[in-house]
PDB file of N, CA and C in Angstrom:
ATOM      1  N   MET A   1     106.076 117.077  88.494  1.00  0.00           N
ATOM      2  CA  MET A   1     105.313 117.138  89.713  1.00  0.00           C
ATOM      3  C   MET A   1     103.821 116.994  89.441  1.00  0.00           C
ATOM      4  N   SER A   2     103.358 117.480  88.295  1.00  0.00           N
ATOM      5  CA  SER A   2     101.934 117.380  87.979  1.00  0.00           C
ATOM      6  C   SER A   2     101.524 115.926  87.751  1.00  0.00           C
ATOM      7  N   SER A   3     102.425 115.117  87.212  1.00  0.00           N
ATOM      8  CA  SER A   3     102.082 113.705  87.020  1.00  0.00           C
ATOM      9  C   SER A   3     101.946 112.991  88.361  1.00  0.00           C
ATOM     10  N   ILE A   4     102.707 113.444  89.361  1.00  0.00           N
ATOM     11  CA  ILE A   4     102.582 112.863  90.699  1.00  0.00           C
ATOM     12  C   ILE A   4     101.200 113.174  91.265  1.00  0.00           C
ATOM     13  N   TRP A   5     100.766 114.419  91.134  1.00  0.00           N
ATOM     14  CA  TRP A   5      99.443 114.795  91.631  1.00  0.00           C
ATOM     15  C   TRP A   5      98.342 114.062  90.881  1.00  0.00           C
ATOM     16  N   ARG A   6      98.482 113.945  89.563  1.00  0.00           N
ATOM     17  CA  ARG A   6      97.464 113.265  88.765  1.00  0.00           C
ATOM     18  C   ARG A   6      97.350 111.798  89.171  1.00  0.00           C
ATOM     19  N   GLU A   7      98.482 111.136  89.335  1.00  0.00           N
ATOM     20  CA  GLU A   7      98.481 109.735  89.735  1.00  0.00           C
ATOM     21  C   GLU A   7      97.892 109.566  91.136  1.00  0.00           C
ATOM     22  N   ARG A   8      98.237 110.468  92.053  1.00  0.00           N
ATOM     23  CA  ARG A   8      97.706 110.398  93.403  1.00  0.00           C
ATOM     24  C   ARG A   8      96.199 110.602  93.407  1.00  0.00           C
ATOM     25  N   ASN A   9      95.727 111.550  92.602  1.00  0.00           N
ATOM     26  CA  ASN A   9      94.292 111.809  92.541  1.00  0.00           C
ATOM     27  C   ASN A   9      93.523 110.628  91.969  1.00  0.00           C
ATOM     28  N   GLU A  10      94.058 109.997  90.934  1.00  0.00           N
ATOM     29  CA  GLU A  10      93.380 108.837  90.358  1.00  0.00           C
ATOM     30  C   GLU A  10      93.304 107.689  91.354  1.00  0.00           C
ATOM     31  N   GLU A  11      94.419 107.385  91.999  1.00  0.00           N
ATOM     32  CA  GLU A  11      94.408 106.300  92.984  1.00  0.00           C
ATOM     33  C   GLU A  11      93.525 106.643  94.167  1.00  0.00           C
ATOM     34  N   SER A  12      93.563 107.876  94.613  1.00  0.00           N
ATOM     35  CA  SER A  12      92.736 108.289  95.735  1.00  0.00           C
ATOM     36  C   SER A  12      91.258 108.154  95.395  1.00  0.00           C
ATOM     37  N   PHE A  13      90.887 108.491  94.163  1.00  0.00           N
ATOM     38  CA  PHE A  13      89.489 108.377  93.765  1.00  0.00           C
ATOM     39  C   PHE A  13      89.042 106.930  93.704  1.00  0.00           C
ATOM     40  N   TRP A  14      89.754 106.097  92.950  1.00  0.00           N
ATOM     41  CA  TRP A  14      89.295 104.727  92.706  1.00  0.00           C
ATOM     42  C   TRP A  14      89.421 103.809  93.907  1.00  0.00           C
ATOM     43  N   TYR A  15      90.458 103.981  94.720  1.00  0.00           N
ATOM     44  CA  TYR A  15      90.709 103.040  95.811  1.00  0.00           C
ATOM     45  C   TYR A  15      90.296 103.548  97.183  1.00  0.00           C
ATOM     46  N   ARG A  16      89.993 104.834  97.326  1.00  0.00           N
ATOM     47  CA  ARG A  16      89.643 105.357  98.639  1.00  0.00           C
ATOM     48  C   ARG A  16      88.310 106.094  98.631  1.00  0.00           C
ATOM     49  N   ALA A  17      88.223 107.138  97.841  1.00  0.00           N
ATOM     50  CA  ALA A  17      87.054 108.014  97.906  1.00  0.00           C
ATOM     51  C   ALA A  17      85.789 107.340  97.383  1.00  0.00           C
ATOM     52  N   LEU A  18      85.861 106.700  96.236  1.00  0.00           N
ATOM     53  CA  LEU A  18      84.668 106.078  95.662  1.00  0.00           C
ATOM     54  C   LEU A  18      84.113 104.949  96.534  1.00  0.00           C
ATOM     55  N   PRO A  19      84.937 104.005  97.029  1.00  0.00           N
ATOM     56  CA  PRO A  19      84.369 102.964  97.895  1.00  0.00           C
ATOM     57  C   PRO A  19      83.750 103.506  99.181  1.00  0.00           C
ATOM     58  N   LEU A  20      84.398 104.492  99.816  1.00  0.00           N
ATOM     59  CA  LEU A  20      83.824 105.039 101.042  1.00  0.00           C
ATOM     60  C   LEU A  20      82.553 105.815 100.742  1.00  0.00           C
ATOM     61  N   SER A  21      82.523 106.515  99.637  1.00  0.00           N
ATOM     62  CA  SER A  21      81.331 107.255  99.262  1.00  0.00           C
ATOM     63  C   SER A  21      80.159 106.307  99.019  1.00  0.00           C
ATOM     64  N   LEU A  22      80.398 105.256  98.251  1.00  0.00           N
ATOM     65  CA  LEU A  22      79.328 104.285  97.988  1.00  0.00           C
ATOM     66  C   LEU A  22      78.920 103.546  99.261  1.00  0.00           C
ATOM     67  N   GLY A  23      79.887 103.244 100.106  1.00  0.00           N
ATOM     68  CA  GLY A  23      79.575 102.567 101.364  1.00  0.00           C
ATOM     69  C   GLY A  23      78.740 103.433 102.288  1.00  0.00           C
ATOM     70  N   SER A  24      79.088 104.709 102.388  1.00  0.00           N
ATOM     71  CA  SER A  24      78.310 105.600 103.256  1.00  0.00           C
ATOM     72  C   SER A  24      76.902 105.805 102.702  1.00  0.00           C
ATOM     73  N   MET A  25      76.776 105.821 101.375  1.00  0.00           N
ATOM     74  CA  MET A  25      75.443 105.929 100.789  1.00  0.00           C
ATOM     75  C   MET A  25      74.621 104.670 101.058  1.00  0.00           C
ATOM     76  N   ALA A  26      75.265 103.505 101.009  1.00  0.00           N
ATOM     77  CA  ALA A  26      74.556 102.249 101.279  1.00  0.00           C
ATOM     78  C   ALA A  26      74.095 102.181 102.740  1.00  0.00           C
ATOM     79  N   VAL A  27      74.951 102.599 103.659  1.00  0.00           N
ATOM     80  CA  VAL A  27      74.570 102.603 105.079  1.00  0.00           C
ATOM     81  C   VAL A  27      73.418 103.579 105.308  1.00  0.00           C
ATOM     82  N   THR A  28      73.496 104.752 104.696  1.00  0.00           N
ATOM     83  CA  THR A  28      72.425 105.743 104.832  1.00  0.00           C
ATOM     84  C   THR A  28      71.115 105.209 104.266  1.00  0.00           C
ATOM     85  N   ALA A  29      71.189 104.547 103.115  1.00  0.00           N
ATOM     86  CA  ALA A  29      69.977 103.970 102.528  1.00  0.00           C
ATOM     87  C   ALA A  29      69.396 102.890 103.445  1.00  0.00           C
ATOM     88  N   GLY A  30      70.270 102.089 104.056  1.00  0.00           N
ATOM     89  CA  GLY A  30      69.792 101.071 104.994  1.00  0.00           C
ATOM     90  C   GLY A  30      69.124 101.685 106.208  1.00  0.00           C
ATOM     91  N   LEU A  31      69.705 102.761 106.727  1.00  0.00           N
ATOM     92  CA  LEU A  31      69.102 103.432 107.879  1.00  0.00           C
ATOM     93  C   LEU A  31      67.749 104.044 107.531  1.00  0.00           C
ATOM     94  N   ILE A  32      67.639 104.591 106.342  1.00  0.00           N
ATOM     95  CA  ILE A  32      66.359 105.166 105.914  1.00  0.00           C
ATOM     96  C   ILE A  32      65.342 104.045 105.681  1.00  0.00           C
ATOM     97  N   TYR A  33      65.763 102.962 105.052  1.00  0.00           N
ATOM     98  CA  TYR A  33      64.869 101.849 104.739  1.00  0.00           C
ATOM     99  C   TYR A  33      64.339 101.184 106.022  1.00  0.00           C
ATOM    100  N   ASN A  34      65.205 101.065 107.050  1.00  0.00           N
ATOM    101  CA  ASN A  34      64.792 100.432 108.308  1.00  0.00           C
ATOM    102  C   ASN A  34      64.043 101.384 109.233  1.00  0.00           C
ATOM    103  N   GLY A  35      63.926 102.645 108.870  1.00  0.00           N
ATOM    104  CA  GLY A  35      63.147 103.583 109.657  1.00  0.00           C
ATOM    105  C   GLY A  35      63.924 104.286 110.747  1.00  0.00           C
ATOM    106  N   VAL A  36      65.236 104.068 110.826  1.00  0.00           N
ATOM    107  CA  VAL A  36      66.034 104.775 111.825  1.00  0.00           C
ATOM    108  C   VAL A  36      66.078 106.261 111.481  1.00  0.00           C
ATOM    109  N   TRP A  37      66.262 106.567 110.212  1.00  0.00           N
ATOM    110  CA  TRP A  37      66.190 107.936 109.727  1.00  0.00           C
ATOM    111  C   TRP A  37      64.952 108.069 108.855  1.00  0.00           C
ATOM    112  N   LYS A  38      64.350 109.219 108.894  1.00  0.00           N
ATOM    113  CA  LYS A  38      63.149 109.453 108.099  1.00  0.00           C
ATOM    114  C   LYS A  38      63.512 110.211 106.814  1.00  0.00           C
ATOM    115  N   PRO A  39      62.938 109.826 105.697  1.00  0.00           N
ATOM    116  CA  PRO A  39      63.177 110.591 104.472  1.00  0.00           C
ATOM    117  C   PRO A  39      62.478 111.945 104.537  1.00  0.00           C
ATOM    118  N   SER A  40      62.981 112.872 103.779  1.00  0.00           N
ATOM    119  CA  SER A  40      62.382 114.197 103.708  1.00  0.00           C
ATOM    120  C   SER A  40      60.995 114.096 103.070  1.00  0.00           C
ATOM    121  N   LYS A  41      60.049 114.874 103.574  1.00  0.00           N
ATOM    122  CA  LYS A  41      58.694 114.836 103.013  1.00  0.00           C
ATOM    123  C   LYS A  41      58.668 115.412 101.599  1.00  0.00           C
ATOM    124  N   ARG A  42      59.521 116.385 101.371  1.00  0.00           N
ATOM    125  CA  ARG A  42      59.501 117.057 100.067  1.00  0.00           C
ATOM    126  C   ARG A  42      60.383 116.354  99.035  1.00  0.00           C
ATOM    127  N   PHE A  43      61.598 115.932  99.442  1.00  0.00           N
ATOM    128  CA  PHE A  43      62.556 115.395  98.474  1.00  0.00           C
ATOM    129  C   PHE A  43      62.797 113.898  98.602  1.00  0.00           C
ATOM    130  N   GLY A  44      62.291 113.279  99.651  1.00  0.00           N
ATOM    131  CA  GLY A  44      62.516 111.850  99.851  1.00  0.00           C
ATOM    132  C   GLY A  44      63.905 111.583 100.420  1.00  0.00           C
ATOM    133  N   PRO A  45      64.481 110.418 100.136  1.00  0.00           N
ATOM    134  CA  PRO A  45      65.777 110.063 100.720  1.00  0.00           C
ATOM    135  C   PRO A  45      66.981 110.676 100.000  1.00  0.00           C
ATOM    136  N   PHE A  46      66.769 111.313  98.876  1.00  0.00           N
ATOM    137  CA  PHE A  46      67.875 111.752  98.028  1.00  0.00           C
ATOM    138  C   PHE A  46      68.823 112.769  98.665  1.00  0.00           C
ATOM    139  N   PRO A  47      68.353 113.783  99.408  1.00  0.00           N
ATOM    140  CA  PRO A  47      69.320 114.714 100.021  1.00  0.00           C
ATOM    141  C   PRO A  47      70.245 114.032 101.024  1.00  0.00           C
ATOM    142  N   LYS A  48      69.704 113.109 101.820  1.00  0.00           N
ATOM    143  CA  LYS A  48      70.546 112.422 102.795  1.00  0.00           C
ATOM    144  C   LYS A  48      71.544 111.503 102.096  1.00  0.00           C
ATOM    145  N   LEU A  49      71.112 110.839 101.041  1.00  0.00           N
ATOM    146  CA  LEU A  49      72.032 109.976 100.288  1.00  0.00           C
ATOM    147  C   LEU A  49      73.132 110.791  99.617  1.00  0.00           C
ATOM    148  N   ALA A  50      72.743 111.916  99.035  1.00  0.00           N
ATOM    149  CA  ALA A  50      73.733 112.767  98.361  1.00  0.00           C
ATOM    150  C   ALA A  50      74.733 113.332  99.368  1.00  0.00           C
ATOM    151  N   LEU A  51      74.249 113.773 100.517  1.00  0.00           N
ATOM    152  CA  LEU A  51      75.143 114.320 101.531  1.00  0.00           C
ATOM    153  C   LEU A  51      76.103 113.249 102.046  1.00  0.00           C
ATOM    154  N   ALA A  52      75.600 112.042 102.261  1.00  0.00           N
ATOM    155  CA  ALA A  52      76.468 110.947 102.711  1.00  0.00           C
ATOM    156  C   ALA A  52      77.535 110.640 101.665  1.00  0.00           C
ATOM    157  N   GLY A  53      77.157 110.630 100.398  1.00  0.00           N
ATOM    158  CA  GLY A  53      78.124 110.368  99.337  1.00  0.00           C
ATOM    159  C   GLY A  53      79.181 111.446  99.239  1.00  0.00           C
ATOM    160  N   VAL A  54      78.771 112.700  99.308  1.00  0.00           N
ATOM    161  CA  VAL A  54      79.720 113.817  99.208  1.00  0.00           C
ATOM    162  C   VAL A  54      80.663 113.840 100.407  1.00  0.00           C
ATOM    163  N   LEU A  55      80.114 113.643 101.609  1.00  0.00           N
ATOM    164  CA  LEU A  55      80.970 113.657 102.795  1.00  0.00           C
ATOM    165  C   LEU A  55      81.961 112.494 102.793  1.00  0.00           C
ATOM    166  N   GLY A  56      81.520 111.323 102.382  1.00  0.00           N
ATOM    167  CA  GLY A  56      82.440 110.187 102.284  1.00  0.00           C
ATOM    168  C   GLY A  56      83.532 110.436 101.263  1.00  0.00           C
ATOM    169  N   PHE A  57      83.159 111.000 100.140  1.00  0.00           N
ATOM    170  CA  PHE A  57      84.131 111.311  99.091  1.00  0.00           C
ATOM    171  C   PHE A  57      85.147 112.334  99.577  1.00  0.00           C
ATOM    172  N   LEU A  58      84.681 113.413 100.177  1.00  0.00           N
ATOM    173  CA  LEU A  58      85.593 114.467 100.638  1.00  0.00           C
ATOM    174  C   LEU A  58      86.508 113.981 101.753  1.00  0.00           C
ATOM    175  N   TYR A  59      85.951 113.179 102.663  1.00  0.00           N
ATOM    176  CA  TYR A  59      86.769 112.697 103.775  1.00  0.00           C
ATOM    177  C   TYR A  59      87.942 111.870 103.272  1.00  0.00           C
ATOM    178  N   ARG A  60      87.692 110.924 102.389  1.00  0.00           N
ATOM    179  CA  ARG A  60      88.751 110.042 101.928  1.00  0.00           C
ATOM    180  C   ARG A  60      89.651 110.694 100.891  1.00  0.00           C
ATOM    181  N   SER A  61      89.136 111.604 100.103  1.00  0.00           N
ATOM    182  CA  SER A  61      89.995 112.220  99.088  1.00  0.00           C
ATOM    183  C   SER A  61      90.953 113.227  99.710  1.00  0.00           C
ATOM    184  N   MET A  62      90.610 113.797 100.858  1.00  0.00           N
ATOM    185  CA  MET A  62      91.485 114.772 101.505  1.00  0.00           C
ATOM    186  C   MET A  62      92.409 114.144 102.548  1.00  0.00           C
ATOM    187  N   GLN A  63      92.136 112.922 102.944  1.00  0.00           N
ATOM    188  CA  GLN A  63      92.888 112.313 104.035  1.00  0.00           C
ATOM    189  C   GLN A  63      94.252 111.828 103.554  1.00  0.00           C
ATOM    190  N   GLY A  64      95.281 112.198 104.242  1.00  0.00           N
ATOM    191  CA  GLY A  64      96.611 111.673 103.989  1.00  0.00           C
ATOM    192  C   GLY A  64      97.299 112.172 102.735  1.00  0.00           C
ATOM    193  N   GLU A  65      96.952 113.355 102.253  1.00  0.00           N
ATOM    194  CA  GLU A  65      97.568 113.853 101.022  1.00  0.00           C
ATOM    195  C   GLU A  65      99.069 114.048 101.162  1.00  0.00           C
ATOM    196  N   VAL A  66      99.487 114.625 102.244  1.00  0.00           N
ATOM    197  CA  VAL A  66     100.897 114.979 102.399  1.00  0.00           C
ATOM    198  C   VAL A  66     101.774 113.735 102.434  1.00  0.00           C
ATOM    199  N   SER A  67     101.375 112.719 103.173  1.00  0.00           N
ATOM    200  CA  SER A  67     102.204 111.518 103.263  1.00  0.00           C
ATOM    201  C   SER A  67     102.250 110.778 101.926  1.00  0.00           C
ATOM    202  N   GLU A  68     101.135 110.760 101.196  1.00  0.00           N
ATOM    203  CA  GLU A  68     101.127 110.093  99.899  1.00  0.00           C
ATOM    204  C   GLU A  68     102.008 110.819  98.892  1.00  0.00           C
ATOM    205  N   VAL A  69     101.982 112.138  98.915  1.00  0.00           N
ATOM    206  CA  VAL A  69     102.796 112.901  97.970  1.00  0.00           C
ATOM    207  C   VAL A  69     104.273 112.670  98.263  1.00  0.00           C
ATOM    208  N   GLY A  70     104.653 112.619  99.531  1.00  0.00           N
ATOM    209  CA  GLY A  70     106.045 112.339  99.875  1.00  0.00           C
ATOM    210  C   GLY A  70     106.493 110.992  99.352  1.00  0.00           C
ATOM    211  N   THR A  71     105.640 109.995  99.458  1.00  0.00           N
ATOM    212  CA  THR A  71     105.962 108.669  98.936  1.00  0.00           C
ATOM    213  C   THR A  71     106.106 108.705  97.421  1.00  0.00           C
ATOM    214  N   ARG A  72     105.198 109.401  96.751  1.00  0.00           N
ATOM    215  CA  ARG A  72     105.260 109.491  95.285  1.00  0.00           C
ATOM    216  C   ARG A  72     106.531 110.206  94.828  1.00  0.00           C
ATOM    217  N   VAL A  73     106.912 111.261  95.529  1.00  0.00           N
ATOM    218  CA  VAL A  73     108.128 111.995  95.155  1.00  0.00           C
ATOM    219  C   VAL A  73     109.341 111.085  95.285  1.00  0.00           C
ATOM    220  N   GLN A  74     109.391 110.292  96.342  1.00  0.00           N
ATOM    221  CA  GLN A  74     110.503 109.350  96.507  1.00  0.00           C
ATOM    222  C   GLN A  74     110.514 108.323  95.380  1.00  0.00           C
ATOM    223  N   GLN A  75     109.338 107.822  95.000  1.00  0.00           N
ATOM    224  CA  GLN A  75     109.275 106.856  93.906  1.00  0.00           C
ATOM    225  C   GLN A  75     109.758 107.485  92.605  1.00  0.00           C
ATOM    226  N   ARG A  76     109.292 108.692  92.315  1.00  0.00           N
ATOM    227  CA  ARG A  76     109.711 109.367  91.077  1.00  0.00           C
ATOM    228  C   ARG A  76     111.202 109.670  91.089  1.00  0.00           C
ATOM    229  N   HIS A  77     111.722 110.048  92.248  1.00  0.00           N
ATOM    230  CA  HIS A  77     113.143 110.354  92.342  1.00  0.00           C
ATOM    231  C   HIS A  77     113.978 109.108  92.052  1.00  0.00           C
ATOM    232  N   SER A  78     113.565 107.965  92.580  1.00  0.00           N
ATOM    233  CA  SER A  78     114.310 106.737  92.317  1.00  0.00           C
ATOM    234  C   SER A  78     114.209 106.350  90.839  1.00  0.00           C
ATOM    235  N   LEU A  79     113.052 106.587  90.211  1.00  0.00           N
ATOM    236  CA  LEU A  79     112.924 106.297  88.784  1.00  0.00           C
ATOM    237  C   LEU A  79     113.815 107.225  87.958  1.00  0.00           C
ATOM    238  N   ARG A  80     113.892 108.490  88.344  1.00  0.00           N
ATOM    239  CA  ARG A  80     114.761 109.427  87.622  1.00  0.00           C
ATOM    240  C   ARG A  80     116.221 109.033  87.769  1.00  0.00           C
ATOM    241  N   LEU A  81     116.602 108.559  88.952  1.00  0.00           N
ATOM    242  CA  LEU A  81     117.982 108.137  89.175  1.00  0.00           C
ATOM    243  C   LEU A  81     118.324 106.965  88.269  1.00  0.00           C
ATOM    244  N   VAL A  82     117.437 105.973  88.197  1.00  0.00           N
ATOM    245  CA  VAL A  82     117.673 104.817  87.327  1.00  0.00           C
ATOM    246  C   VAL A  82     117.711 105.258  85.870  1.00  0.00           C
ATOM    247  N   SER A  83     116.814 106.169  85.493  1.00  0.00           N
ATOM    248  CA  SER A  83     116.777 106.660  84.125  1.00  0.00           C
ATOM    249  C   SER A  83     118.064 107.408  83.772  1.00  0.00           C
ATOM    250  N   SER A  84     118.531 108.248  84.684  1.00  0.00           N
ATOM    251  CA  SER A  84     119.756 109.001  84.385  1.00  0.00           C
ATOM    252  C   SER A  84     120.969 108.066  84.331  1.00  0.00           C
ATOM    253  N   LEU A  85     121.014 107.058  85.193  1.00  0.00           N
ATOM    254  CA  LEU A  85     122.115 106.092  85.134  1.00  0.00           C
ATOM    255  C   LEU A  85     122.093 105.335  83.810  1.00  0.00           C
ATOM    256  N   TRP A  86     120.904 104.953  83.364  1.00  0.00           N
ATOM    257  CA  TRP A  86     120.777 104.226  82.104  1.00  0.00           C
ATOM    258  C   TRP A  86     121.220 105.095  80.937  1.00  0.00           C
ATOM    259  N   SER A  87     120.774 106.359  80.910  1.00  0.00           N
ATOM    260  CA  SER A  87     121.150 107.228  79.796  1.00  0.00           C
ATOM    261  C   SER A  87     122.658 107.510  79.815  1.00  0.00           C
ATOM    262  N   THR A  88     123.268 107.618  80.992  1.00  0.00           N
ATOM    263  CA  THR A  88     124.717 107.815  81.084  1.00  0.00           C
ATOM    264  C   THR A  88     125.449 106.596  80.549  1.00  0.00           C
ATOM    265  N   LEU A  89     124.973 105.411  80.891  1.00  0.00           N
ATOM    266  CA  LEU A  89     125.585 104.179  80.408  1.00  0.00           C
ATOM    267  C   LEU A  89     125.492 104.087  78.890  1.00  0.00           C
ATOM    268  N   VAL A  90     124.322 104.379  78.350  1.00  0.00           N
ATOM    269  CA  VAL A  90     124.143 104.328  76.897  1.00  0.00           C
ATOM    270  C   VAL A  90     125.035 105.369  76.230  1.00  0.00           C
ATOM    271  N   TRP A  91     125.104 106.577  76.792  1.00  0.00           N
ATOM    272  CA  TRP A  91     125.941 107.625  76.221  1.00  0.00           C
ATOM    273  C   TRP A  91     127.406 107.207  76.238  1.00  0.00           C
ATOM    274  N   ASP A  92     127.878 106.609  77.333  1.00  0.00           N
ATOM    275  CA  ASP A  92     129.263 106.158  77.422  1.00  0.00           C
ATOM    276  C   ASP A  92     129.554 105.072  76.392  1.00  0.00           C
ATOM    277  N   LEU A  93     128.609 104.162  76.209  1.00  0.00           N
ATOM    278  CA  LEU A  93     128.810 103.098  75.222  1.00  0.00           C
ATOM    279  C   LEU A  93     128.864 103.662  73.808  1.00  0.00           C
ATOM    280  N   GLN A  94     128.001 104.638  73.518  1.00  0.00           N
ATOM    281  CA  GLN A  94     128.012 105.253  72.193  1.00  0.00           C
ATOM    282  C   GLN A  94     129.307 106.029  71.966  1.00  0.00           C
ATOM    283  N   ALA A  95     129.752 106.756  72.973  1.00  0.00           N
ATOM    284  CA  ALA A  95     130.989 107.529  72.844  1.00  0.00           C
ATOM    285  C   ALA A  95     132.183 106.594  72.673  1.00  0.00           C
ATOM    286  N   GLU A  96     132.190 105.485  73.396  1.00  0.00           N
ATOM    287  CA  GLU A  96     133.289 104.521  73.282  1.00  0.00           C
ATOM    288  C   GLU A  96     133.296 103.882  71.904  1.00  0.00           C
ATOM    289  N   THR A  97     132.137 103.565  71.388  1.00  0.00           N
ATOM    290  CA  THR A  97     132.039 102.985  70.048  1.00  0.00           C
ATOM    291  C   THR A  97     132.518 103.987  69.003  1.00  0.00           C
ATOM    292  N   LEU A  98     132.117 105.237  69.147  1.00  0.00           N
ATOM    293  CA  LEU A  98     132.542 106.269  68.204  1.00  0.00           C
ATOM    294  C   LEU A  98     134.043 106.488  68.292  1.00  0.00           C
ATOM    295  N   TYR A  99     134.603 106.497  69.493  1.00  0.00           N
ATOM    296  CA  TYR A  99     136.027 106.668  69.678  1.00  0.00           C
ATOM    297  C   TYR A  99     136.790 105.519  69.026  1.00  0.00           C
ATOM    298  N   THR A 100     136.316 104.297  69.195  1.00  0.00           N
ATOM    299  CA  THR A 100     136.979 103.140  68.578  1.00  0.00           C
ATOM    300  C   THR A 100     136.887 103.226  67.057  1.00  0.00           C
ATOM    301  N   TRP A 101     135.781 103.696  66.539  1.00  0.00           N
ATOM    302  CA  TRP A 101     135.586 103.774  65.090  1.00  0.00           C
ATOM    303  C   TRP A 101     136.479 104.845  64.481  1.00  0.00           C
ATOM    304  N   VAL A 102     136.704 105.956  65.206  1.00  0.00           N
ATOM    305  CA  VAL A 102     137.519 107.051  64.705  1.00  0.00           C
ATOM    306  C   VAL A 102     138.987 106.647  64.659  1.00  0.00           C
ATOM    307  N   GLN A 103     139.427 105.872  65.632  1.00  0.00           N
ATOM    308  CA  GLN A 103     140.851 105.469  65.650  1.00  0.00           C
ATOM    309  C   GLN A 103     141.073 104.503  64.562  1.00  0.00           C
TER     310      GLN A 103
END
């Protein structure tokens, strides 16, 4: 189960959270550059950019966790079924070979 979570987290980061985070930071930078939003007098544009990046990251990394995990569990279950069928087949072939050799 931990490998399912690890795989989901990696895909969620690279394909969802990171692009939305960078996109929201780019839009925020554009709004600040065009004068729609004003930069902070003390810190400049950095707090708004950081907040946009964090909010974009959190929104996409938390969205749809339950449905993705259900899909991953189904995928892993089908892989385990194929793996167990393969190991049963190999075991039967080995047992049959041993039985033939003993006779």
